[in-house]
């Protein structure tokens, strides 16, 4: 008997919880942005008139840093 899909489901839930924490941190750090989920399951951050699309499950540890840098860059352009 195999383990079944539960380890994979557990891992997906962990990624979702971690990403939710990062989203909340981004919203605290940049109060003027809105982060929503698209119909396809991705995330979109609206900074002024610009939109930044990002994966709901980042592929590596640098993804969150890159998202933060893109939002920071757009926020500076809007100021």
Protein backbone atom coordinates (compact mmCIF):
# COMPACT_ATOMS: atom_id res chain seq x y z
CA UNK A 1 0.00 0.00 0.00
CA UNK A 2 1.19 3.47 -0.87
CA UNK A 3 0.88 6.56 1.23
CA UNK A 4 -1.84 8.03 -0.95
CA UNK A 5 -2.19 11.71 -1.80
CA UNK A 6 -2.11 13.01 1.78
CA UNK A 7 1.56 14.10 1.94
CA UNK A 8 1.03 16.11 -1.26
CA UNK A 9 -2.19 17.67 0.07
CA UNK A 10 -0.44 18.49 3.34
CA UNK A 11 2.42 20.16 1.44
CA UNK A 12 -0.02 22.21 -0.66
CA UNK A 13 -1.79 23.40 2.47
CA UNK A 14 1.54 24.39 4.03
CA UNK A 15 2.45 26.45 0.94
CA UNK A 16 -0.97 28.14 1.09
CA UNK A 17 -0.51 29.07 4.74
CA UNK A 18 3.00 30.38 4.11
CA UNK A 19 1.85 32.43 1.12
CA UNK A 20 -1.06 33.87 3.13
CA UNK A 21 1.43 35.07 5.75
CA UNK A 22 3.55 36.72 3.06
CA UNK A 23 0.51 38.42 1.53
CA UNK A 24 -0.49 39.86 4.91
CA UNK A 25 3.07 41.07 5.45
CA UNK A 26 3.09 42.75 2.02
CA UNK A 27 -0.25 44.45 2.74
CA UNK A 28 1.10 45.77 6.06
CA UNK A 29 4.33 46.97 4.46
CA UNK A 30 2.63 48.59 1.46
CA UNK A 31 -0.79 49.82 2.69
CA UNK A 32 -1.83 51.22 -0.70
CA UNK A 33 -1.85 47.87 -2.53
CA UNK A 34 -4.60 45.33 -3.03
CA UNK A 35 -3.85 41.65 -3.53
CA UNK A 36 -6.56 39.47 -5.04
CA UNK A 37 -6.84 36.01 -6.54
CA UNK A 38 -7.56 35.62 -10.26
CA UNK A 39 -10.02 33.08 -11.69
CA UNK A 40 -7.02 30.96 -12.70
CA UNK A 41 -5.72 30.81 -9.13
CA UNK A 42 -2.84 33.27 -9.48
CA UNK A 43 -2.45 36.40 -7.39
CA UNK A 44 -2.55 39.94 -8.68
CA UNK A 45 -1.25 42.95 -6.75
CA UNK A 46 -2.72 46.29 -7.74
CA UNK A 47 -0.37 49.20 -7.06
CA UNK A 48 -2.03 52.42 -8.15
CA UNK A 49 -2.80 51.81 -11.82
CA UNK A 50 -0.26 49.01 -12.26
CA UNK A 51 -0.95 45.31 -11.82
CA UNK A 52 1.64 42.70 -10.87
CA UNK A 53 0.74 39.07 -11.49
CA UNK A 54 2.37 36.38 -9.36
CA UNK A 55 2.10 32.68 -8.69
CA UNK A 56 0.02 31.54 -5.72
CA UNK A 57 2.67 28.90 -5.00
CA UNK A 58 6.14 30.41 -5.35
CA UNK A 59 8.73 28.12 -6.92
CA UNK A 60 11.69 29.01 -4.71
CA UNK A 61 12.76 31.03 -1.70
CA UNK A 62 13.59 34.08 -3.85
CA UNK A 63 10.08 34.43 -5.24
CA UNK A 64 8.76 36.36 -2.23
CA UNK A 65 11.77 38.71 -2.33
CA UNK A 66 11.23 39.31 -6.05
CA UNK A 67 7.52 40.04 -5.53
CA UNK A 68 8.37 42.49 -2.76
CA UNK A 69 10.94 44.21 -5.02
CA UNK A 70 8.45 44.52 -7.90
CA UNK A 71 5.78 46.01 -5.62
CA UNK A 72 8.32 48.41 -4.11
CA UNK A 73 9.44 49.49 -7.59
CA UNK A 74 5.87 50.15 -8.75
CA UNK A 75 5.01 51.99 -5.52
CA UNK A 76 7.99 54.31 -6.08
CA UNK A 77 6.91 54.98 -9.66
CA UNK A 78 3.40 55.89 -8.47
CA UNK A 79 4.73 58.38 -5.85
